[in-house]
C-alpha atoms as a PDB file:
ATOM      1  CA  MET A   1      23.100  11.630  -2.777  1.00  0.00           C
ATOM      2  CA  GLU A   2      24.144   9.727   0.363  1.00  0.00           C
ATOM      3  CA  GLU A   3      23.748   6.345  -1.401  1.00  0.00           C
ATOM      4  CA  ILE A   4      25.803   7.551  -4.401  1.00  0.00           C
ATOM      5  CA  LEU A   5      28.545   8.841  -2.091  1.00  0.00           C
ATOM      6  CA  THR A   6      28.594   5.554  -0.114  1.00  0.00           C
ATOM      7  CA  HIS A   7      28.851   3.547  -3.314  1.00  0.00           C
ATOM      8  CA  HIS A   8      31.657   5.794  -4.616  1.00  0.00           C
ATOM      9  CA  ILE A   9      33.639   5.448  -1.379  1.00  0.00           C
ATOM     10  CA  SER A  10      33.143   1.659  -1.337  1.00  0.00           C
ATOM     11  CA  MET A  11      34.393   1.238  -4.912  1.00  0.00           C
ATOM     12  CA  ASN A  12      37.425   3.486  -4.284  1.00  0.00           C
ATOM     13  CA  PHE A  13      38.228   1.388  -1.195  1.00  0.00           C
ATOM     14  CA  PHE A  14      38.237  -1.848  -3.206  1.00  0.00           C
ATOM     15  CA  TYR A  15      40.349  -0.301  -5.996  1.00  0.00           C
ATOM     16  CA  ALA A  16      42.898   0.897  -3.431  1.00  0.00           C
ATOM     17  CA  ILE A  17      43.139  -2.566  -1.867  1.00  0.00           C
ATOM     18  CA  LEU A  18      43.572  -4.149  -5.306  1.00  0.00           C
ATOM     19  CA  LEU A  19      46.437  -1.807  -6.204  1.00  0.00           C
ATOM     20  CA  LEU A  20      48.052  -2.480  -2.819  1.00  0.00           C
ATOM     21  CA  LEU A  21      47.911  -6.231  -3.358  1.00  0.00           C
ATOM     22  CA  ILE A  22      49.427  -5.987  -6.834  1.00  0.00           C
ATOM     23  CA  SER A  23      52.306  -3.758  -5.718  1.00  0.00           C
ATOM     24  CA  PHE A  24      52.964  -5.788  -2.562  1.00  0.00           C
ATOM     25  CA  GLY A  25      52.842  -9.084  -4.420  1.00  0.00           C
ATOM     26  CA  SER A  26      55.384  -7.987  -7.011  1.00  0.00           C
ATOM     27  CA  ILE A  27      57.956  -7.272  -4.315  1.00  0.00           C
ATOM     28  CA  HIS A  28      57.826 -10.519  -2.367  1.00  0.00           C
ATOM     29  CA  SER A  29      58.801 -13.749  -4.098  1.00  0.00           C
ATOM     30  CA  GLN A  30      56.730 -15.937  -1.781  1.00  0.00           C
ATOM     31  CA  ASN A  31      53.485 -14.410  -2.998  1.00  0.00           C
ATOM     32  CA  SER A  32      51.185 -15.655  -5.735  1.00  0.00           C
ATOM     33  CA  PHE A  33      48.061 -14.474  -7.513  1.00  0.00           C
ATOM     34  CA  TYR A  34      45.013 -16.529  -8.394  1.00  0.00           C
ATOM     35  CA  ILE A  35      41.568 -16.341  -9.924  1.00  0.00           C
ATOM     36  CA  LYS A  36      38.606 -18.161  -8.365  1.00  0.00           C
ATOM     37  CA  PRO A  37      35.354 -19.107 -10.191  1.00  0.00           C
ATOM     38  CA  ILE A  38      32.418 -19.420  -7.782  1.00  0.00           C
ATOM     39  CA  LEU A  39      29.112 -21.293  -7.808  1.00  0.00           C
ATOM     40  CA  ASN A  40      26.761 -20.959  -4.836  1.00  0.00           C
ATOM     41  CA  THR A  41      23.217 -21.025  -3.540  1.00  0.00           C
ATOM     42  CA  LYS A  42      21.707 -19.074  -0.656  1.00  0.00           C
ATOM     43  CA  PHE A  43      19.367 -19.530   2.298  1.00  0.00           C
ATOM     44  CA  GLY A  44      17.888 -16.071   2.830  1.00  0.00           C
ATOM     45  CA  ILE A  45      17.088 -14.449   6.185  1.00  0.00           C
ATOM     46  CA  ALA A  46      14.088 -12.174   6.760  1.00  0.00           C
ATOM     47  CA  SER A  47      12.883 -10.606   9.999  1.00  0.00           C
ATOM     48  CA  THR A  48       9.724  -9.141  11.522  1.00  0.00           C
ATOM     49  CA  ASN A  49      11.787  -7.099  13.953  1.00  0.00           C
ATOM     50  CA  GLY A  50      14.406  -4.474  13.143  1.00  0.00           C
ATOM     51  CA  PHE A  51      16.516  -5.418  16.179  1.00  0.00           C
ATOM     52  CA  PHE A  52      16.332  -9.210  16.185  1.00  0.00           C
ATOM     53  CA  GLN A  53      17.501 -10.794  12.933  1.00  0.00           C
ATOM     54  CA  PHE A  54      15.707 -14.130  13.338  1.00  0.00           C
ATOM     55  CA  SER A  55      12.310 -12.965  14.642  1.00  0.00           C
ATOM     56  CA  LYS A  56       9.389 -14.813  13.039  1.00  0.00           C
ATOM     57  CA  HIS A  57       6.252 -14.279  15.151  1.00  0.00           C
ATOM     58  CA  TYR A  58       3.351 -11.937  14.444  1.00  0.00           C
ATOM     59  CA  PRO A  59       0.382 -10.947  16.668  1.00  0.00           C
ATOM     60  CA  GLN A  60      -2.305 -13.643  16.574  1.00  0.00           C
ATOM     61  CA  ASN A  61      -5.987 -13.332  15.733  1.00  0.00           C
ATOM     62  CA  ASP A  62      -8.973 -15.699  15.754  1.00  0.00           C
ATOM     63  CA  TYR A  63      -9.158 -16.177  11.992  1.00  0.00           C
ATOM     64  CA  PHE A  64      -5.690 -16.997  10.696  1.00  0.00           C
ATOM     65  CA  GLN A  65      -2.046 -17.065  11.710  1.00  0.00           C
ATOM     66  CA  VAL A  66       0.950 -15.702   9.828  1.00  0.00           C
ATOM     67  CA  PHE A  67       4.441 -17.139  10.253  1.00  0.00           C
ATOM     68  CA  ASN A  68       7.570 -15.437   8.971  1.00  0.00           C
ATOM     69  CA  LYS A  69      10.158 -17.845   7.559  1.00  0.00           C
ATOM     70  CA  SER A  70      13.196 -16.252   9.147  1.00  0.00           C
ATOM     71  CA  ILE A  71      15.473 -18.733   7.330  1.00  0.00           C
ATOM     72  CA  HIS A  72      14.151 -19.822   3.939  1.00  0.00           C
ATOM     73  CA  TYR A  73      15.336 -21.143   0.599  1.00  0.00           C
ATOM     74  CA  ILE A  74      14.445 -19.979  -2.894  1.00  0.00           C
ATOM     75  CA  PRO A  75      15.975 -22.457  -5.397  1.00  0.00           C
ATOM     76  CA  GLY A  76      18.633 -20.965  -7.627  1.00  0.00           C
ATOM     77  CA  LEU A  77      22.332 -21.042  -8.488  1.00  0.00           C
ATOM     78  CA  HIS A  78      24.517 -17.937  -8.435  1.00  0.00           C
ATOM     79  CA  LEU A  79      27.772 -17.336 -10.294  1.00  0.00           C
ATOM     80  CA  GLY A  80      30.755 -15.401  -8.994  1.00  0.00           C
ATOM     81  CA  LEU A  81      34.409 -14.625  -9.523  1.00  0.00           C
ATOM     82  CA  GLY A  82      37.279 -13.815  -7.199  1.00  0.00           C
ATOM     83  CA  PHE A  83      40.791 -12.411  -7.637  1.00  0.00           C
ATOM     84  CA  GLY A  84      43.264 -12.997  -4.837  1.00  0.00           C
ATOM     85  CA  TRP A  85      46.777 -12.635  -3.501  1.00  0.00           C
ATOM     86  CA  LYS A  86      48.266 -15.454  -1.416  1.00  0.00           C
ATOM     87  CA  ASN A  87      51.201 -15.411   0.997  1.00  0.00           C
ATOM     88  CA  GLU A  88      52.672 -18.891   0.553  1.00  0.00           C
ATOM     89  CA  LYS A  89      54.822 -18.754   3.686  1.00  0.00           C
ATOM     90  CA  ASN A  90      52.118 -17.792   6.181  1.00  0.00           C
ATOM     91  CA  ARG A  91      49.301 -19.599   4.337  1.00  0.00           C
ATOM     92  CA  PHE A  92      46.818 -16.759   4.152  1.00  0.00           C
ATOM     93  CA  SER A  93      45.309 -14.767   1.302  1.00  0.00           C
ATOM     94  CA  LEU A  94      43.401 -11.584   0.535  1.00  0.00           C
ATOM     95  CA  GLU A  95      40.832 -11.593  -2.232  1.00  0.00           C
ATOM     96  CA  LEU A  96      38.214  -9.455  -3.919  1.00  0.00           C
ATOM     97  CA  THR A  97      35.082 -11.322  -4.943  1.00  0.00           C
ATOM     98  CA  TRP A  98      31.905 -10.616  -6.849  1.00  0.00           C
ATOM     99  CA  SER A  99      28.866 -12.886  -6.797  1.00  0.00           C
ATOM    100  CA  GLN A 100      25.284 -12.831  -7.918  1.00  0.00           C
ATOM    101  CA  ASP A 101      22.990 -12.707  -4.901  1.00  0.00           C
ATOM    102  CA  MET A 102      19.404 -12.296  -3.739  1.00  0.00           C
ATOM    103  CA  ALA A 103      17.522 -10.373  -1.056  1.00  0.00           C
ATOM    104  CA  SER A 104      14.395 -12.337  -0.185  1.00  0.00           C
ATOM    105  CA  ILE A 105      11.491 -12.898   2.196  1.00  0.00           C
ATOM    106  CA  ALA A 106       9.141 -15.835   2.850  1.00  0.00           C
ATOM    107  CA  ASN A 107       6.078 -16.398   5.018  1.00  0.00           C
ATOM    108  CA  GLU A 108       3.088 -18.671   5.458  1.00  0.00           C
ATOM    109  CA  THR A 109      -0.566 -17.962   6.213  1.00  0.00           C
ATOM    110  CA  VAL A 110      -2.554 -20.627   8.055  1.00  0.00           C
ATOM    111  CA  LEU A 111      -6.353 -20.315   7.862  1.00  0.00           C
ATOM    112  CA  LEU A 112      -8.247 -21.408  11.006  1.00  0.00           C
ATOM    113  CA  THR A 113     -11.895 -21.800  10.125  1.00  0.00           C
ATOM    114  CA  THR A 114     -14.635 -24.428  10.060  1.00  0.00           C
ATOM    115  CA  ASN A 115     -18.205 -24.297   8.852  1.00  0.00           C
ATOM    116  CA  GLY A 116     -20.252 -27.102  10.357  1.00  0.00           C
ATOM    117  CA  ASP A 117     -19.816 -30.237   8.294  1.00  0.00           C
ATOM    118  CA  ASN A 118     -18.114 -28.304   5.495  1.00  0.00           C
ATOM    119  CA  ASN A 119     -14.531 -27.505   6.413  1.00  0.00           C
ATOM    120  CA  TYR A 120     -13.861 -24.831   3.819  1.00  0.00           C
ATOM    121  CA  TYR A 121     -10.236 -23.916   4.515  1.00  0.00           C
ATOM    122  CA  TYR A 122      -9.538 -25.492   7.865  1.00  0.00           C
ATOM    123  CA  ASN A 123      -5.766 -25.385   8.556  1.00  0.00           C
ATOM    124  CA  THR A 124      -5.034 -24.496   4.948  1.00  0.00           C
ATOM    125  CA  TYR A 125      -1.461 -23.327   4.392  1.00  0.00           C
ATOM    126  CA  LEU A 126      -0.776 -20.465   1.976  1.00  0.00           C
ATOM    127  CA  PRO A 127       3.011 -20.117   1.472  1.00  0.00           C
ATOM    128  CA  TYR A 128       4.568 -17.086  -0.191  1.00  0.00           C
ATOM    129  CA  ARG A 129       8.172 -16.252  -1.055  1.00  0.00           C
ATOM    130  CA  ILE A 130       9.910 -13.723  -3.282  1.00  0.00           C
ATOM    131  CA  GLY A 131      13.433 -12.473  -3.913  1.00  0.00           C
ATOM    132  CA  PHE A 132      15.076  -9.603  -5.797  1.00  0.00           C
ATOM    133  CA  SER A 133      18.297 -10.298  -7.706  1.00  0.00           C
ATOM    134  CA  SER A 134      21.347  -8.375  -6.522  1.00  0.00           C
ATOM    135  CA  ASN A 135      25.155  -8.337  -6.629  1.00  0.00           C
ATOM    136  CA  ARG A 136      27.562  -8.854  -3.743  1.00  0.00           C
ATOM    137  CA  PHE A 137      31.115  -7.459  -3.564  1.00  0.00           C
ATOM    138  CA  SER A 138      33.455  -8.544  -0.778  1.00  0.00           C
ATOM    139  CA  LEU A 139      37.013  -8.160   0.470  1.00  0.00           C
ATOM    140  CA  ASN A 140      37.973 -11.410   2.212  1.00  0.00           C
ATOM    141  CA  LEU A 141      40.816 -12.616   4.416  1.00  0.00           C
ATOM    142  CA  ASN A 142      41.365 -16.393   4.178  1.00  0.00           C
ATOM    143  CA  LYS A 143      43.558 -18.479   6.480  1.00  0.00           C
ATOM    144  CA  LEU A 144      44.539 -22.107   5.830  1.00  0.00           C
ATOM    145  CA  ILE A 145      44.859 -24.475   8.805  1.00  0.00           C
ATOM    146  CA  PHE A 146      45.226 -28.221   9.471  1.00  0.00           C
ATOM    147  CA  LYS A 147      47.661 -28.851   6.604  1.00  0.00           C
ATOM    148  CA  ASP A 148      45.633 -26.656   4.242  1.00  0.00           C
ATOM    149  CA  LEU A 149      42.548 -28.837   4.664  1.00  0.00           C
ATOM    150  CA  ILE A 150      40.406 -26.176   6.364  1.00  0.00           C
ATOM    151  CA  GLU A 151      39.964 -22.579   5.227  1.00  0.00           C
ATOM    152  CA  ILE A 152      38.642 -19.861   7.559  1.00  0.00           C
ATOM    153  CA  ASP A 153      37.201 -16.780   5.888  1.00  0.00           C
ATOM    154  CA  PHE A 154      36.373 -13.282   7.180  1.00  0.00           C
ATOM    155  CA  GLY A 155      34.979 -10.604   4.917  1.00  0.00           C
ATOM    156  CA  VAL A 156      33.536  -7.126   4.586  1.00  0.00           C
ATOM    157  CA  GLY A 157      31.625  -5.796   1.611  1.00  0.00           C
ATOM    158  CA  PHE A 158      28.280  -4.650   0.291  1.00  0.00           C
ATOM    159  CA  ILE A 159      25.225  -5.991  -1.491  1.00  0.00           C
ATOM    160  CA  TYR A 160      23.907  -3.895  -4.363  1.00  0.00           C
ATOM    161  CA  LEU A 161      20.611  -3.751  -6.285  1.00  0.00           C
ATOM    162  CA  SER A 162      21.901  -2.678  -9.677  1.00  0.00           C
ATOM    163  CA  GLY A 163      18.525  -1.475 -10.969  1.00  0.00           C
ATOM    164  CA  GLY A 164      18.068   1.082  -8.180  1.00  0.00           C
ATOM    165  CA  ASN A 165      15.470   0.693  -5.441  1.00  0.00           C
ATOM    166  CA  GLU A 166      12.828   2.624  -7.424  1.00  0.00           C
ATOM    167  CA  ASN A 167      12.718  -0.199 -10.015  1.00  0.00           C
ATOM    168  CA  TYR A 168      12.065  -3.004  -7.546  1.00  0.00           C
ATOM    169  CA  GLU A 169       8.402  -3.487  -6.645  1.00  0.00           C
ATOM    170  CA  PHE A 170       6.172  -6.537  -6.994  1.00  0.00           C
ATOM    171  CA  ILE A 171       2.469  -6.805  -6.086  1.00  0.00           C
ATOM    172  CA  VAL A 172       0.277  -9.914  -6.005  1.00  0.00           C
ATOM    173  CA  ASP A 173      -3.425  -9.015  -5.652  1.00  0.00           C
ATOM    174  CA  PRO A 174      -5.668 -12.083  -6.168  1.00  0.00           C
ATOM    175  CA  SER A 175      -9.466 -12.035  -5.990  1.00  0.00           C
ATOM    176  CA  PRO A 176     -11.184 -12.634  -2.597  1.00  0.00           C
ATOM    177  CA  PHE A 177     -12.132 -16.224  -1.818  1.00  0.00           C
ATOM    178  CA  LEU A 178     -14.671 -17.871   0.477  1.00  0.00           C
ATOM    179  CA  TYR A 179     -13.393 -18.052   4.042  1.00  0.00           C
ATOM    180  CA  ASN A 180     -16.534 -19.608   5.585  1.00  0.00           C
ATOM    181  CA  SER A 181     -20.274 -19.614   4.878  1.00  0.00           C
ATOM    182  CA  THR A 182     -20.660 -15.891   5.624  1.00  0.00           C
ATOM    183  CA  SER A 183     -17.246 -14.349   4.936  1.00  0.00           C
ATOM    184  CA  THR A 184     -14.660 -13.798   2.225  1.00  0.00           C
ATOM    185  CA  LEU A 185     -10.945 -13.221   2.652  1.00  0.00           C
ATOM    186  CA  LYS A 186      -8.832 -10.987   0.454  1.00  0.00           C
ATOM    187  CA  LEU A 187      -5.019 -11.148   0.472  1.00  0.00           C
ATOM    188  CA  LYS A 188      -2.553  -8.736  -1.071  1.00  0.00           C
ATOM    189  CA  TYR A 189       1.229  -9.168  -1.128  1.00  0.00           C
ATOM    190  CA  THR A 190       3.459  -6.134  -1.712  1.00  0.00           C
ATOM    191  CA  THR A 191       7.260  -6.273  -1.876  1.00  0.00           C
ATOM    192  CA  ARG A 192       9.519  -3.341  -2.712  1.00  0.00           C
ATOM    193  CA  ALA A 193      13.104  -2.195  -2.313  1.00  0.00           C
ATOM    194  CA  VAL A 194      13.766   0.687   0.083  1.00  0.00           C
ATOM    195  CA  SER A 195      17.526   0.905  -0.501  1.00  0.00           C
ATOM    196  CA  ASN A 196      19.824  -0.288  -3.256  1.00  0.00           C
ATOM    197  CA  LEU A 197      22.974  -0.631  -1.144  1.00  0.00           C
ATOM    198  CA  ASN A 198      23.828  -2.183   2.215  1.00  0.00           C
ATOM    199  CA  LEU A 199      27.104  -3.038   3.908  1.00  0.00           C
ATOM    200  CA  ASN A 200      27.698  -6.536   5.266  1.00  0.00           C
ATOM    201  CA  LEU A 201      30.122  -8.666   7.266  1.00  0.00           C
ATOM    202  CA  SER A 202      30.787 -12.348   6.653  1.00  0.00           C
ATOM    203  CA  VAL A 203      32.415 -15.350   8.278  1.00  0.00           C
ATOM    204  CA  GLY A 204      32.881 -18.712   6.619  1.00  0.00           C
ATOM    205  CA  LEU A 205      34.418 -22.161   6.877  1.00  0.00           C
ATOM    206  CA  GLY A 206      35.602 -24.222   3.911  1.00  0.00           C
ATOM    207  CA  ILE A 207      36.984 -27.692   3.253  1.00  0.00           C
ATOM    208  CA  ASN A 208      39.586 -28.111   0.501  1.00  0.00           C
ATOM    209  CA  LEU A 209      38.891 -31.403  -1.264  1.00  0.00           C
ATOM    210  CA  LYS A 210      41.834 -33.105  -3.000  1.00  0.00           C
ATOM    211  CA  PHE A 211      42.585 -36.310  -4.914  1.00  0.00           C
ATOM    212  CA  ASN A 212      46.186 -37.573  -5.092  1.00  0.00           C
ATOM    213  CA  ASP A 213      47.437 -34.129  -4.038  1.00  0.00           C
ATOM    214  CA  PHE A 214      45.441 -32.546  -6.856  1.00  0.00           C
ATOM    215  CA  GLU A 215      43.067 -29.807  -5.694  1.00  0.00           C
ATOM    216  CA  LEU A 216      39.484 -30.515  -6.755  1.00  0.00           C
ATOM    217  CA  PHE A 217      37.430 -27.694  -5.238  1.00  0.00           C
ATOM    218  CA  THR A 218      36.594 -25.957  -1.976  1.00  0.00           C
ATOM    219  CA  LEU A 219      33.207 -26.536  -0.345  1.00  0.00           C
ATOM    220  CA  SER A 220      32.287 -23.620   1.925  1.00  0.00           C
ATOM    221  CA  THR A 221      29.525 -22.399   4.201  1.00  0.00           C
ATOM    222  CA  ILE A 222      29.456 -18.611   4.621  1.00  0.00           C
ATOM    223  CA  TYR A 223      27.214 -16.465   6.807  1.00  0.00           C
ATOM    224  CA  TYR A 224      26.532 -12.907   5.591  1.00  0.00           C
ATOM    225  CA  GLN A 225      25.105 -10.308   7.978  1.00  0.00           C
ATOM    226  CA  GLY A 226      23.647  -7.132   6.522  1.00  0.00           C
ATOM    227  CA  LEU A 227      24.243  -3.955   8.504  1.00  0.00           C
ATOM    228  CA  LYS A 228      22.269  -0.820   9.312  1.00  0.00           C
ATOM    229  CA  GLN A 229      19.388  -0.742   6.820  1.00  0.00           C
ATOM    230  CA  ASN A 230      16.873  -2.945   5.045  1.00  0.00           C
ATOM    231  CA  LEU A 231      17.154  -3.638   1.338  1.00  0.00           C
ATOM    232  CA  ILE A 232      13.578  -4.811   0.822  1.00  0.00           C
ATOM    233  CA  ILE A 233      10.344  -4.690   2.834  1.00  0.00           C
ATOM    234  CA  HIS A 234       7.232  -6.802   2.429  1.00  0.00           C
ATOM    235  CA  GLU A 235       3.591  -6.562   3.523  1.00  0.00           C
ATOM    236  CA  ASN A 236       0.879  -9.215   3.813  1.00  0.00           C
ATOM    237  CA  TYR A 237      -2.462  -7.365   3.770  1.00  0.00           C
ATOM    238  CA  TYR A 238      -5.772  -9.072   4.666  1.00  0.00           C
ATOM    239  CA  GLU A 239      -9.436  -8.051   4.514  1.00  0.00           C
ATOM    240  CA  LEU A 240     -11.976 -10.372   6.123  1.00  0.00           C
ATOM    241  CA  SER A 241     -15.461  -9.290   4.980  1.00  0.00           C
ATOM    242  CA  ASP A 242     -18.737 -10.599   6.396  1.00  0.00           C
ATOM    243  CA  PHE A 243     -21.332 -10.247   3.619  1.00  0.00           C
ATOM    244  CA  VAL A 244     -24.207 -10.719   6.089  1.00  0.00           C
ATOM    245  CA  THR A 245     -23.310  -7.947   8.529  1.00  0.00           C
ATOM    246  CA  ASN A 246     -21.169  -5.946   6.061  1.00  0.00           C
ATOM    247  CA  ASP A 247     -18.378  -5.781   8.661  1.00  0.00           C
ATOM    248  CA  THR A 248     -14.774  -5.792   7.480  1.00  0.00           C
ATOM    249  CA  LEU A 249     -11.670  -6.618   9.515  1.00  0.00           C
ATOM    250  CA  LYS A 250      -8.291  -5.461   8.196  1.00  0.00           C
ATOM    251  CA  TYR A 251      -4.849  -6.828   9.090  1.00  0.00           C
ATOM    252  CA  SER A 252      -1.337  -5.988   7.979  1.00  0.00           C
ATOM    253  CA  TYR A 253       1.860  -7.984   8.678  1.00  0.00           C
ATOM    254  CA  SER A 254       5.312  -6.810   7.587  1.00  0.00           C
ATOM    255  CA  SER A 255       8.787  -8.296   7.225  1.00  0.00           C
ATOM    256  CA  ALA A 256      12.110  -7.121   5.799  1.00  0.00           C
ATOM    257  CA  SER A 257      15.496  -8.307   4.561  1.00  0.00           C
ATOM    258  CA  LYS A 258      18.918  -6.707   4.950  1.00  0.00           C
ATOM    259  CA  GLY A 259      20.381  -9.120   2.393  1.00  0.00           C
ATOM    260  CA  SER A 260      21.621 -11.475   5.109  1.00  0.00           C
ATOM    261  CA  GLY A 261      21.839 -15.193   4.524  1.00  0.00           C
ATOM    262  CA  ILE A 262      23.733 -18.468   4.623  1.00  0.00           C
ATOM    263  CA  VAL A 263      25.566 -19.372   1.415  1.00  0.00           C
ATOM    264  CA  ILE A 264      26.646 -22.874   0.361  1.00  0.00           C
ATOM    265  CA  GLN A 265      29.488 -22.419  -2.104  1.00  0.00           C
ATOM    266  CA  ILE A 266      31.768 -24.386  -4.412  1.00  0.00           C
ATOM    267  CA  SER A 267      34.904 -22.645  -5.679  1.00  0.00           C
ATOM    268  CA  ARG A 268      38.251 -23.474  -7.255  1.00  0.00           C
ATOM    269  CA  LYS A 269      41.478 -21.429  -7.214  1.00  0.00           C
ATOM    270  CA  PHE A 270      43.590 -21.264 -10.371  1.00  0.00           C
ATOM    271  CA  GLN A 271      47.054 -19.781  -9.821  1.00  0.00           C
ATOM    272  CA  LEU A 272      47.917 -17.060 -12.325  1.00  0.00           C
ATOM    273  CA  TYR A 273      51.354 -15.921 -11.164  1.00  0.00           C
ATOM    274  CA  PRO A 274      53.852 -17.406 -10.835  1.00  0.00           C
ATOM    275  CA  TRP A 275      52.613 -20.079 -13.236  1.00  0.00           C
ATOM    276  CA  LYS A 276      52.495 -23.490 -11.557  1.00  0.00           C
ATOM    277  CA  SER A 277      52.836 -26.473 -13.869  1.00  0.00           C
ATOM    278  CA  ARG A 278      51.510 -29.900 -12.822  1.00  0.00           C
ATOM    279  CA  ALA A 279      53.955 -31.761 -15.041  1.00  0.00           C
ATOM    280  CA  LYS A 280      56.550 -33.792 -13.138  1.00  0.00           C
ATOM    281  CA  LYS A 281      60.191 -33.567 -14.148  1.00  0.00           C
ATOM    282  CA  GLY A 282      62.218 -36.707 -14.689  1.00  0.00           C
ATOM    283  CA  VAL A 283      65.060 -37.576 -12.350  1.00  0.00           C
END
């Protein structure tokens, strides 16, 4: 019920802002409206600590080490769309944007074992990464500086798992493999969503690229910081079994993502009102 109420309040907030922009823009002649197609990719952020966003270390043991990839990349392109209002005189704009997004984690297991002359898995690296598709909605304030070459962006919004957190769970459970001459190692990866909605803040910097005074596109780097709660959690589970002594050691290492990340984005504004023609009039 709390998540539904939060989502309802968030959507009403964005609708209210949109109506305010439309009514305000119709009154002032120095205002314009635009639409902005978006294409971006994201470097995700995952943490092993609920208080420190970039934590990556786990407790060590004598058999293997696990490293959290606090900043990681899962290849993929995301589409988005923005609708904005621009104050031509003061060179700033307000816009509502939607973009495809991803909440993700990544880690790496390093095996540390030898067996006489036969180095079974000595310093073997076992990488793992996974992400859940999501949607991001933002209200952004953009300010143009340095003759409209640089664009500074501040935003507030939320990231949303449209399928609901109960529909997001992924388990990888491979068969045990030989760790050394007397032991086997079993790994199990479990990732699931614990919330389908999280608020976020953002700050970004863009460069407006032009050719002969014609606007080509804006290349931006934007940092998104998720607030309050995790969207997804992940567990690496290990069982090291000695088939001579029948002893079994068990280990569990966890990480989580709030949906935070660094986005590299290409966008282009197309003015809708008043219509701006590129044709030059004769003298």
